[in-house]
């Protein structure tokens, strides 16, 4: 009985963590010390794999199909930066980052 309850508790904790869409926040850059520059972000999964972010930046996403500017984000961005379809964030090298919002196709 205890083993079942323990397993059930672990399952609930796992689902709560991965299905709740936890939002993470990076350490802010102190603009009192210097200006912030994002000089490069590549789409290569070797250089910038899924789940990584530029220094002091975090990308978030929402489960809404067509979000408005004031809609809340629901989870961190965990996709690669070289997707060729769906909504995506693309590393553009020295030109920065591109954001494309499309359907899930």
PDB file of N, CA and C in Angstrom:
ATOM      1  N   UNK A   1       0.817  -1.205   0.000  1.00  0.00           N
ATOM      2  CA  UNK A   1       0.000   0.000   0.000  1.00  0.00           C
ATOM      3  C   UNK A   1       0.855   1.261   0.000  1.00  0.00           C
ATOM      4  N   UNK A   2       1.902   1.281   0.851  1.00  0.00           N
ATOM      5  CA  UNK A   2       2.770   2.455   0.916  1.00  0.00           C
ATOM      6  C   UNK A   2       3.542   2.647  -0.388  1.00  0.00           C
ATOM      7  N   UNK A   3       3.943   1.530  -0.994  1.00  0.00           N
ATOM      8  CA  UNK A   3       4.668   1.631  -2.256  1.00  0.00           C
ATOM      9  C   UNK A   3       3.782   2.252  -3.336  1.00  0.00           C
ATOM     10  N   UNK A   4       2.501   1.887  -3.345  1.00  0.00           N
ATOM     11  CA  UNK A   4       1.555   2.451  -4.309  1.00  0.00           C
ATOM     12  C   UNK A   4       1.382   3.948  -4.064  1.00  0.00           C
ATOM     13  N   UNK A   5       1.202   4.354  -2.809  1.00  0.00           N
ATOM     14  CA  UNK A   5       1.037   5.772  -2.491  1.00  0.00           C
ATOM     15  C   UNK A   5       2.297   6.566  -2.839  1.00  0.00           C
ATOM     16  N   UNK A   6       3.459   6.005  -2.578  1.00  0.00           N
ATOM     17  CA  UNK A   6       4.711   6.660  -2.907  1.00  0.00           C
ATOM     18  C   UNK A   6       4.835   6.847  -4.427  1.00  0.00           C
ATOM     19  N   UNK A   7       4.515   5.789  -5.184  1.00  0.00           N
ATOM     20  CA  UNK A   7       4.561   5.863  -6.642  1.00  0.00           C
ATOM     21  C   UNK A   7       3.557   6.885  -7.155  1.00  0.00           C
ATOM     22  N   UNK A   8       2.381   6.925  -6.603  1.00  0.00           N
ATOM     23  CA  UNK A   8       1.356   7.880  -6.998  1.00  0.00           C
ATOM     24  C   UNK A   8       1.808   9.317  -6.703  1.00  0.00           C
ATOM     25  N   UNK A   9       2.417   9.533  -5.566  1.00  0.00           N
ATOM     26  CA  UNK A   9       2.922  10.858  -5.208  1.00  0.00           C
ATOM     27  C   UNK A   9       4.014  11.305  -6.187  1.00  0.00           C
ATOM     28  N   UNK A  10       4.939  10.407  -6.522  1.00  0.00           N
ATOM     29  CA  UNK A  10       5.981  10.747  -7.493  1.00  0.00           C
ATOM     30  C   UNK A  10       5.391  11.071  -8.856  1.00  0.00           C
ATOM     31  N   UNK A  11       4.384  10.330  -9.273  1.00  0.00           N
ATOM     32  CA  UNK A  11       3.728  10.598 -10.551  1.00  0.00           C
ATOM     33  C   UNK A  11       3.054  11.965 -10.541  1.00  0.00           C
ATOM     34  N   UNK A  12       2.388  12.301  -9.469  1.00  0.00           N
ATOM     35  CA  UNK A  12       1.721  13.608  -9.356  1.00  0.00           C
ATOM     36  C   UNK A  12       2.757  14.730  -9.390  1.00  0.00           C
ATOM     37  N   UNK A  13       3.852  14.576  -8.671  1.00  0.00           N
ATOM     38  CA  UNK A  13       4.906  15.601  -8.683  1.00  0.00           C
ATOM     39  C   UNK A  13       5.507  15.750 -10.073  1.00  0.00           C
ATOM     40  N   UNK A  14       5.740  14.642 -10.745  1.00  0.00           N
ATOM     41  CA  UNK A  14       6.293  14.686 -12.103  1.00  0.00           C
ATOM     42  C   UNK A  14       5.348  15.406 -13.048  1.00  0.00           C
ATOM     43  N   UNK A  15       4.064  15.043 -13.030  1.00  0.00           N
ATOM     44  CA  UNK A  15       3.090  15.663 -13.924  1.00  0.00           C
ATOM     45  C   UNK A  15       2.883  17.136 -13.597  1.00  0.00           C
ATOM     46  N   UNK A  16       2.911  17.477 -12.325  1.00  0.00           N
ATOM     47  CA  UNK A  16       2.758  18.876 -11.931  1.00  0.00           C
ATOM     48  C   UNK A  16       3.909  19.712 -12.467  1.00  0.00           C
ATOM     49  N   UNK A  17       5.119  19.170 -12.388  1.00  0.00           N
ATOM     50  CA  UNK A  17       6.291  19.918 -12.857  1.00  0.00           C
ATOM     51  C   UNK A  17       6.304  20.052 -14.378  1.00  0.00           C
ATOM     52  N   UNK A  18       6.053  18.954 -15.100  1.00  0.00           N
ATOM     53  CA  UNK A  18       6.186  18.982 -16.555  1.00  0.00           C
ATOM     54  C   UNK A  18       4.934  19.412 -17.296  1.00  0.00           C
ATOM     55  N   UNK A  19       3.812  19.406 -16.667  1.00  0.00           N
ATOM     56  CA  UNK A  19       2.577  19.806 -17.349  1.00  0.00           C
ATOM     57  C   UNK A  19       2.086  21.182 -16.915  1.00  0.00           C
ATOM     58  N   UNK A  20       2.647  21.714 -15.861  1.00  0.00           N
ATOM     59  CA  UNK A  20       2.179  23.017 -15.398  1.00  0.00           C
ATOM     60  C   UNK A  20       2.811  24.154 -16.176  1.00  0.00           C
ATOM     61  N   UNK A  21       3.861  23.866 -16.926  1.00  0.00           N
ATOM     62  CA  UNK A  21       4.502  24.906 -17.714  1.00  0.00           C
ATOM     63  C   UNK A  21       5.271  25.882 -16.851  1.00  0.00           C
ATOM     64  N   UNK A  22       6.141  25.371 -16.035  1.00  0.00           N
ATOM     65  CA  UNK A  22       6.918  26.220 -15.145  1.00  0.00           C
ATOM     66  C   UNK A  22       7.666  27.281 -15.949  1.00  0.00           C
ATOM     67  N   UNK A  23       7.646  28.504 -15.472  1.00  0.00           N
ATOM     68  CA  UNK A  23       8.342  29.608 -16.107  1.00  0.00           C
ATOM     69  C   UNK A  23       9.626  29.885 -15.324  1.00  0.00           C
ATOM     70  N   UNK A  24      10.736  29.974 -16.036  1.00  0.00           N
ATOM     71  CA  UNK A  24      12.026  30.298 -15.427  1.00  0.00           C
ATOM     72  C   UNK A  24      12.399  31.728 -15.779  1.00  0.00           C
ATOM     73  N   UNK A  25      13.201  32.320 -14.937  1.00  0.00           N
ATOM     74  CA  UNK A  25      13.642  33.691 -15.178  1.00  0.00           C
ATOM     75  C   UNK A  25      15.162  33.744 -15.065  1.00  0.00           C
ATOM     76  N   UNK A  26      15.825  34.394 -16.018  1.00  0.00           N
ATOM     77  CA  UNK A  26      17.289  34.463 -15.968  1.00  0.00           C
ATOM     78  C   UNK A  26      17.763  35.508 -14.963  1.00  0.00           C
ATOM     79  N   UNK A  27      19.043  35.464 -14.666  1.00  0.00           N
ATOM     80  CA  UNK A  27      19.653  36.501 -13.832  1.00  0.00           C
ATOM     81  C   UNK A  27      19.658  37.789 -14.656  1.00  0.00           C
ATOM     82  N   UNK A  28      19.085  38.867 -14.150  1.00  0.00           N
ATOM     83  CA  UNK A  28      19.060  40.118 -14.928  1.00  0.00           C
ATOM     84  C   UNK A  28      20.456  40.687 -15.141  1.00  0.00           C
ATOM     85  N   UNK A  29      20.639  41.344 -16.258  1.00  0.00           N
ATOM     86  CA  UNK A  29      21.890  42.033 -16.552  1.00  0.00           C
ATOM     87  C   UNK A  29      21.824  43.405 -15.894  1.00  0.00           C
ATOM     88  N   UNK A  30      22.861  43.771 -15.190  1.00  0.00           N
ATOM     89  CA  UNK A  30      22.894  45.067 -14.506  1.00  0.00           C
ATOM     90  C   UNK A  30      23.294  46.157 -15.497  1.00  0.00           C
ATOM     91  N   UNK A  31      22.327  46.935 -15.963  1.00  0.00           N
ATOM     92  CA  UNK A  31      22.582  47.994 -16.937  1.00  0.00           C
ATOM     93  C   UNK A  31      23.293  49.201 -16.321  1.00  0.00           C
ATOM     94  N   UNK A  32      23.456  49.216 -14.996  1.00  0.00           N
ATOM     95  CA  UNK A  32      24.221  50.286 -14.356  1.00  0.00           C
ATOM     96  C   UNK A  32      25.716  50.141 -14.635  1.00  0.00           C
ATOM     97  N   UNK A  33      26.141  48.891 -14.905  1.00  0.00           N
ATOM     98  CA  UNK A  33      27.568  48.629 -15.117  1.00  0.00           C
ATOM     99  C   UNK A  33      27.991  48.780 -16.575  1.00  0.00           C
ATOM    100  N   UNK A  34      27.098  48.440 -17.508  1.00  0.00           N
ATOM    101  CA  UNK A  34      27.447  48.477 -18.942  1.00  0.00           C
ATOM    102  C   UNK A  34      26.181  48.294 -19.767  1.00  0.00           C
ATOM    103  N   UNK A  35      26.285  48.526 -21.063  1.00  0.00           N
ATOM    104  CA  UNK A  35      25.181  48.251 -21.982  1.00  0.00           C
ATOM    105  C   UNK A  35      25.149  46.758 -22.300  1.00  0.00           C
ATOM    106  N   UNK A  36      23.955  46.236 -22.542  1.00  0.00           N
ATOM    107  CA  UNK A  36      23.821  44.826 -22.906  1.00  0.00           C
ATOM    108  C   UNK A  36      23.861  44.695 -24.416  1.00  0.00           C
ATOM    109  N   UNK A  37      24.662  43.770 -24.919  1.00  0.00           N
ATOM    110  CA  UNK A  37      24.735  43.505 -26.353  1.00  0.00           C
ATOM    111  C   UNK A  37      24.572  42.016 -26.602  1.00  0.00           C
ATOM    112  N   UNK A  38      23.635  41.671 -27.464  1.00  0.00           N
ATOM    113  CA  UNK A  38      23.529  40.305 -27.971  1.00  0.00           C
ATOM    114  C   UNK A  38      24.185  40.347 -29.347  1.00  0.00           C
ATOM    115  N   UNK A  39      25.404  39.853 -29.437  1.00  0.00           N
ATOM    116  CA  UNK A  39      26.174  40.018 -30.666  1.00  0.00           C
ATOM    117  C   UNK A  39      25.969  38.893 -31.664  1.00  0.00           C
ATOM    118  N   UNK A  40      25.439  37.738 -31.206  1.00  0.00           N
ATOM    119  CA  UNK A  40      25.316  36.605 -32.114  1.00  0.00           C
ATOM    120  C   UNK A  40      24.484  35.512 -31.463  1.00  0.00           C
ATOM    121  N   UNK A  41      23.615  34.867 -32.248  1.00  0.00           N
ATOM    122  CA  UNK A  41      22.895  33.677 -31.785  1.00  0.00           C
ATOM    123  C   UNK A  41      22.659  32.778 -32.981  1.00  0.00           C
ATOM    124  N   UNK A  42      23.334  31.641 -33.020  1.00  0.00           N
ATOM    125  CA  UNK A  42      23.255  30.719 -34.146  1.00  0.00           C
ATOM    126  C   UNK A  42      22.125  29.713 -33.986  1.00  0.00           C
ATOM    127  N   UNK A  43      21.619  29.226 -35.110  1.00  0.00           N
ATOM    128  CA  UNK A  43      20.558  28.224 -35.082  1.00  0.00           C
ATOM    129  C   UNK A  43      21.111  26.811 -35.000  1.00  0.00           C
ATOM    130  N   UNK A  44      22.408  26.648 -35.061  1.00  0.00           N
ATOM    131  CA  UNK A  44      23.028  25.325 -35.013  1.00  0.00           C
ATOM    132  C   UNK A  44      22.728  24.638 -33.685  1.00  0.00           C
ATOM    133  N   UNK A  45      22.208  23.407 -33.766  1.00  0.00           N
ATOM    134  CA  UNK A  45      21.895  22.669 -32.536  1.00  0.00           C
ATOM    135  C   UNK A  45      23.159  22.221 -31.819  1.00  0.00           C
ATOM    136  N   UNK A  46      24.298  22.270 -32.484  1.00  0.00           N
ATOM    137  CA  UNK A  46      25.566  21.934 -31.834  1.00  0.00           C
ATOM    138  C   UNK A  46      26.036  23.114 -30.993  1.00  0.00           C
ATOM    139  N   UNK A  47      25.919  24.320 -31.555  1.00  0.00           N
ATOM    140  CA  UNK A  47      26.377  25.523 -30.853  1.00  0.00           C
ATOM    141  C   UNK A  47      25.376  25.944 -29.778  1.00  0.00           C
ATOM    142  N   UNK A  48      24.086  25.975 -30.115  1.00  0.00           N
ATOM    143  CA  UNK A  48      23.028  26.394 -29.194  1.00  0.00           C
ATOM    144  C   UNK A  48      21.919  25.342 -29.191  1.00  0.00           C
ATOM    145  N   UNK A  49      22.078  24.273 -28.423  1.00  0.00           N
ATOM    146  CA  UNK A  49      21.070  23.219 -28.424  1.00  0.00           C
ATOM    147  C   UNK A  49      19.756  23.667 -27.777  1.00  0.00           C
ATOM    148  N   UNK A  50      18.700  22.915 -28.031  1.00  0.00           N
ATOM    149  CA  UNK A  50      17.398  23.191 -27.420  1.00  0.00           C
ATOM    150  C   UNK A  50      17.560  23.272 -25.911  1.00  0.00           C
ATOM    151  N   UNK A  51      16.845  24.221 -25.303  1.00  0.00           N
ATOM    152  CA  UNK A  51      16.907  24.393 -23.860  1.00  0.00           C
ATOM    153  C   UNK A  51      18.005  25.328 -23.394  1.00  0.00           C
ATOM    154  N   UNK A  52      18.769  25.900 -24.330  1.00  0.00           N
ATOM    155  CA  UNK A  52      19.773  26.898 -23.965  1.00  0.00           C
ATOM    156  C   UNK A  52      19.278  28.267 -24.415  1.00  0.00           C
ATOM    157  N   UNK A  53      19.846  29.305 -23.836  1.00  0.00           N
ATOM    158  CA  UNK A  53      19.392  30.667 -24.108  1.00  0.00           C
ATOM    159  C   UNK A  53      20.586  31.609 -24.111  1.00  0.00           C
ATOM    160  N   UNK A  54      20.463  32.755 -24.786  1.00  0.00           N
ATOM    161  CA  UNK A  54      21.538  33.749 -24.708  1.00  0.00           C
ATOM    162  C   UNK A  54      21.727  34.209 -23.259  1.00  0.00           C
ATOM    163  N   UNK A  55      22.891  34.737 -22.932  1.00  0.00           N
ATOM    164  CA  UNK A  55      23.115  35.209 -21.563  1.00  0.00           C
ATOM    165  C   UNK A  55      22.058  36.230 -21.133  1.00  0.00           C
ATOM    166  N   UNK A  56      21.518  36.048 -19.947  1.00  0.00           N
ATOM    167  CA  UNK A  56      20.549  36.952 -19.325  1.00  0.00           C
ATOM    168  C   UNK A  56      19.230  37.049 -20.090  1.00  0.00           C
ATOM    169  N   UNK A  57      18.917  36.079 -20.948  1.00  0.00           N
ATOM    170  CA  UNK A  57      17.666  36.069 -21.723  1.00  0.00           C
ATOM    171  C   UNK A  57      16.983  34.724 -21.538  1.00  0.00           C
ATOM    172  N   UNK A  58      15.657  34.736 -21.507  1.00  0.00           N
ATOM    173  CA  UNK A  58      14.888  33.497 -21.450  1.00  0.00           C
ATOM    174  C   UNK A  58      13.715  33.650 -22.397  1.00  0.00           C
ATOM    175  N   UNK A  59      13.477  32.652 -23.229  1.00  0.00           N
ATOM    176  CA  UNK A  59      12.336  32.676 -24.136  1.00  0.00           C
ATOM    177  C   UNK A  59      11.206  31.865 -23.524  1.00  0.00           C
ATOM    178  N   UNK A  60       9.986  32.390 -23.625  1.00  0.00           N
ATOM    179  CA  UNK A  60       8.811  31.710 -23.101  1.00  0.00           C
ATOM    180  C   UNK A  60       7.817  31.478 -24.229  1.00  0.00           C
ATOM    181  N   UNK A  61       6.883  30.572 -24.001  1.00  0.00           N
ATOM    182  CA  UNK A  61       5.832  30.297 -24.982  1.00  0.00           C
ATOM    183  C   UNK A  61       4.498  30.163 -24.267  1.00  0.00           C
ATOM    184  N   UNK A  62       3.436  30.176 -25.061  1.00  0.00           N
ATOM    185  CA  UNK A  62       2.092  30.034 -24.523  1.00  0.00           C
ATOM    186  C   UNK A  62       1.373  28.918 -25.245  1.00  0.00           C
ATOM    187  N   UNK A  63       0.357  28.387 -24.629  1.00  0.00           N
ATOM    188  CA  UNK A  63      -0.423  27.330 -25.266  1.00  0.00           C
ATOM    189  C   UNK A  63      -1.546  27.905 -26.126  1.00  0.00           C
ATOM    190  N   UNK A  64      -1.730  29.229 -26.104  1.00  0.00           N
ATOM    191  CA  UNK A  64      -2.766  29.862 -26.922  1.00  0.00           C
ATOM    192  C   UNK A  64      -2.379  29.805 -28.400  1.00  0.00           C
ATOM    193  N   UNK A  65      -3.359  29.547 -29.247  1.00  0.00           N
ATOM    194  CA  UNK A  65      -3.103  29.442 -30.682  1.00  0.00           C
ATOM    195  C   UNK A  65      -2.745  30.789 -31.281  1.00  0.00           C
ATOM    196  N   UNK A  66      -3.451  31.829 -30.915  1.00  0.00           N
ATOM    197  CA  UNK A  66      -3.171  33.163 -31.444  1.00  0.00           C
ATOM    198  C   UNK A  66      -3.124  34.146 -30.275  1.00  0.00           C
ATOM    199  N   UNK A  67      -2.000  34.196 -29.559  1.00  0.00           N
ATOM    200  CA  UNK A  67      -1.936  35.016 -28.348  1.00  0.00           C
ATOM    201  C   UNK A  67      -1.931  36.505 -28.648  1.00  0.00           C
ATOM    202  N   UNK A  68      -2.512  37.252 -27.721  1.00  0.00           N
ATOM    203  CA  UNK A  68      -2.463  38.709 -27.770  1.00  0.00           C
ATOM    204  C   UNK A  68      -1.217  39.163 -26.993  1.00  0.00           C
ATOM    205  N   UNK A  69      -0.855  40.414 -27.143  1.00  0.00           N
ATOM    206  CA  UNK A  69       0.350  40.928 -26.485  1.00  0.00           C
ATOM    207  C   UNK A  69       0.306  40.793 -24.964  1.00  0.00           C
ATOM    208  N   UNK A  70      -0.870  40.873 -24.357  1.00  0.00           N
ATOM    209  CA  UNK A  70      -0.963  40.832 -22.899  1.00  0.00           C
ATOM    210  C   UNK A  70      -1.272  39.441 -22.351  1.00  0.00           C
ATOM    211  N   UNK A  71      -1.314  38.406 -23.197  1.00  0.00           N
ATOM    212  CA  UNK A  71      -1.552  37.044 -22.720  1.00  0.00           C
ATOM    213  C   UNK A  71      -0.331  36.515 -21.975  1.00  0.00           C
ATOM    214  N   UNK A  72      -0.579  35.766 -20.935  1.00  0.00           N
ATOM    215  CA  UNK A  72       0.509  35.208 -20.129  1.00  0.00           C
ATOM    216  C   UNK A  72       1.202  34.062 -20.851  1.00  0.00           C
ATOM    217  N   UNK A  73       2.482  33.959 -20.635  1.00  0.00           N
ATOM    218  CA  UNK A  73       3.243  32.828 -21.142  1.00  0.00           C
ATOM    219  C   UNK A  73       3.054  31.665 -20.175  1.00  0.00           C
ATOM    220  N   UNK A  74       3.125  30.441 -20.677  1.00  0.00           N
ATOM    221  CA  UNK A  74       2.825  29.291 -19.833  1.00  0.00           C
ATOM    222  C   UNK A  74       4.008  28.359 -19.605  1.00  0.00           C
ATOM    223  N   UNK A  75       5.069  28.463 -20.422  1.00  0.00           N
ATOM    224  CA  UNK A  75       6.222  27.583 -20.221  1.00  0.00           C
ATOM    225  C   UNK A  75       7.459  28.149 -20.898  1.00  0.00           C
ATOM    226  N   UNK A  76       8.594  27.589 -20.532  1.00  0.00           N
ATOM    227  CA  UNK A  76       9.853  27.978 -21.158  1.00  0.00           C
ATOM    228  C   UNK A  76       9.933  27.386 -22.568  1.00  0.00           C
ATOM    229  N   UNK A  77      10.714  28.024 -23.420  1.00  0.00           N
ATOM    230  CA  UNK A  77      10.944  27.530 -24.780  1.00  0.00           C
ATOM    231  C   UNK A  77      12.000  26.425 -24.712  1.00  0.00           C
ATOM    232  N   UNK A  78      11.633  25.218 -25.163  1.00  0.00           N
ATOM    233  CA  UNK A  78      12.559  24.084 -25.112  1.00  0.00           C
ATOM    234  C   UNK A  78      12.840  23.501 -26.488  1.00  0.00           C
ATOM    235  N   UNK A  79      12.393  24.156 -27.540  1.00  0.00           N
ATOM    236  CA  UNK A  79      12.572  23.639 -28.902  1.00  0.00           C
ATOM    237  C   UNK A  79      13.922  24.062 -29.475  1.00  0.00           C
ATOM    238  N   UNK A  80      14.373  23.364 -30.522  1.00  0.00           N
ATOM    239  CA  UNK A  80      15.608  23.785 -31.188  1.00  0.00           C
ATOM    240  C   UNK A  80      15.437  25.136 -31.884  1.00  0.00           C
ATOM    241  N   UNK A  81      16.554  25.762 -32.227  1.00  0.00           N
ATOM    242  CA  UNK A  81      16.540  27.065 -32.880  1.00  0.00           C
ATOM    243  C   UNK A  81      16.679  26.955 -34.399  1.00  0.00           C
ATOM    244  N   UNK A  82      16.508  25.756 -34.932  1.00  0.00           N
ATOM    245  CA  UNK A  82      16.601  25.568 -36.374  1.00  0.00           C
ATOM    246  C   UNK A  82      15.357  24.872 -36.946  1.00  0.00           C
ATOM    247  N   UNK A  83      14.211  25.046 -36.306  1.00  0.00           N
ATOM    248  CA  UNK A  83      12.975  24.468 -36.839  1.00  0.00           C
ATOM    249  C   UNK A  83      12.642  25.116 -38.179  1.00  0.00           C
ATOM    250  N   UNK A  84      12.013  24.344 -39.056  1.00  0.00           N
ATOM    251  CA  UNK A  84      11.642  24.869 -40.366  1.00  0.00           C
ATOM    252  C   UNK A  84      10.138  25.004 -40.531  1.00  0.00           C
ATOM    253  N   UNK A  85       9.375  24.635 -39.506  1.00  0.00           N
ATOM    254  CA  UNK A  85       7.926  24.807 -39.535  1.00  0.00           C
ATOM    255  C   UNK A  85       7.457  25.056 -38.111  1.00  0.00           C
ATOM    256  N   UNK A  86       6.174  25.313 -37.955  1.00  0.00           N
ATOM    257  CA  UNK A  86       5.559  25.650 -36.665  1.00  0.00           C
ATOM    258  C   UNK A  86       6.067  27.003 -36.165  1.00  0.00           C
ATOM    259  N   UNK A  87       5.541  27.451 -35.048  1.00  0.00           N
ATOM    260  CA  UNK A  87       6.076  28.667 -34.419  1.00  0.00           C
ATOM    261  C   UNK A  87       7.498  28.367 -33.986  1.00  0.00           C
ATOM    262  N   UNK A  88       8.380  29.353 -34.172  1.00  0.00           N
ATOM    263  CA  UNK A  88       9.774  29.060 -33.897  1.00  0.00           C
ATOM    264  C   UNK A  88      10.590  30.316 -33.605  1.00  0.00           C
ATOM    265  N   UNK A  89      11.704  30.083 -32.950  1.00  0.00           N
ATOM    266  CA  UNK A  89      12.721  31.098 -32.712  1.00  0.00           C
ATOM    267  C   UNK A  89      13.933  30.633 -33.502  1.00  0.00           C
ATOM    268  N   UNK A  90      14.437  31.498 -34.367  1.00  0.00           N
ATOM    269  CA  UNK A  90      15.533  31.122 -35.240  1.00  0.00           C
ATOM    270  C   UNK A  90      16.755  31.972 -34.913  1.00  0.00           C
ATOM    271  N   UNK A  91      17.877  31.304 -34.709  1.00  0.00           N
ATOM    272  CA  UNK A  91      19.129  32.030 -34.545  1.00  0.00           C
ATOM    273  C   UNK A  91      19.594  32.556 -35.892  1.00  0.00           C
ATOM    274  N   UNK A  92      19.836  33.842 -35.989  1.00  0.00           N
ATOM    275  CA  UNK A  92      20.239  34.470 -37.250  1.00  0.00           C
ATOM    276  C   UNK A  92      21.707  34.872 -37.261  1.00  0.00           C
ATOM    277  N   UNK A  93      22.506  34.248 -36.409  1.00  0.00           N
ATOM    278  CA  UNK A  93      23.927  34.582 -36.351  1.00  0.00           C
ATOM    279  C   UNK A  93      24.134  36.000 -35.865  1.00  0.00           C
ATOM    280  N   UNK A  94      24.916  36.779 -36.602  1.00  0.00           N
ATOM    281  CA  UNK A  94      25.214  38.162 -36.214  1.00  0.00           C
ATOM    282  C   UNK A  94      24.041  39.105 -36.447  1.00  0.00           C
ATOM    283  N   UNK A  95      22.984  38.622 -37.115  1.00  0.00           N
ATOM    284  CA  UNK A  95      21.787  39.456 -37.316  1.00  0.00           C
ATOM    285  C   UNK A  95      20.793  39.301 -36.168  1.00  0.00           C
ATOM    286  N   UNK A  96      21.097  38.483 -35.165  1.00  0.00           N
ATOM    287  CA  UNK A  96      20.247  38.372 -33.983  1.00  0.00           C
ATOM    288  C   UNK A  96      19.354  37.155 -33.967  1.00  0.00           C
ATOM    289  N   UNK A  97      18.093  37.380 -33.646  1.00  0.00           N
ATOM    290  CA  UNK A  97      17.127  36.309 -33.447  1.00  0.00           C
ATOM    291  C   UNK A  97      15.854  36.644 -34.205  1.00  0.00           C
ATOM    292  N   UNK A  98      15.260  35.642 -34.857  1.00  0.00           N
ATOM    293  CA  UNK A  98      13.978  35.829 -35.541  1.00  0.00           C
ATOM    294  C   UNK A  98      12.882  35.075 -34.826  1.00  0.00           C
ATOM    295  N   UNK A  99      11.713  35.685 -34.717  1.00  0.00           N
ATOM    296  CA  UNK A  99      10.541  35.073 -34.084  1.00  0.00           C
ATOM    297  C   UNK A  99       9.460  34.906 -35.136  1.00  0.00           C
ATOM    298  N   UNK A 100       8.966  33.683 -35.317  1.00  0.00           N
ATOM    299  CA  UNK A 100       7.923  33.403 -36.295  1.00  0.00           C
ATOM    300  C   UNK A 100       6.783  32.695 -35.592  1.00  0.00           C
ATOM    301  N   UNK A 101       5.588  33.253 -35.650  1.00  0.00           N
ATOM    302  CA  UNK A 101       4.413  32.649 -35.034  1.00  0.00           C
ATOM    303  C   UNK A 101       3.497  32.121 -36.139  1.00  0.00           C
ATOM    304  N   UNK A 102       3.329  30.808 -36.193  1.00  0.00           N
ATOM    305  CA  UNK A 102       2.479  30.186 -37.206  1.00  0.00           C
ATOM    306  C   UNK A 102       1.613  29.122 -36.557  1.00  0.00           C
ATOM    307  N   UNK A 103       0.890  28.395 -37.371  1.00  0.00           N
ATOM    308  CA  UNK A 103       0.095  27.275 -36.857  1.00  0.00           C
ATOM    309  C   UNK A 103       1.026  26.130 -36.494  1.00  0.00           C
ATOM    310  N   UNK A 104       0.485  25.045 -36.007  1.00  0.00           N
ATOM    311  CA  UNK A 104       1.277  23.897 -35.590  1.00  0.00           C
ATOM    312  C   UNK A 104       1.613  22.961 -36.748  1.00  0.00           C
ATOM    313  N   UNK A 105       1.403  23.367 -37.967  1.00  0.00           N
ATOM    314  CA  UNK A 105       1.655  22.497 -39.132  1.00  0.00           C
ATOM    315  C   UNK A 105       3.074  22.672 -39.606  1.00  0.00           C
TER     316      UNK A 105
END
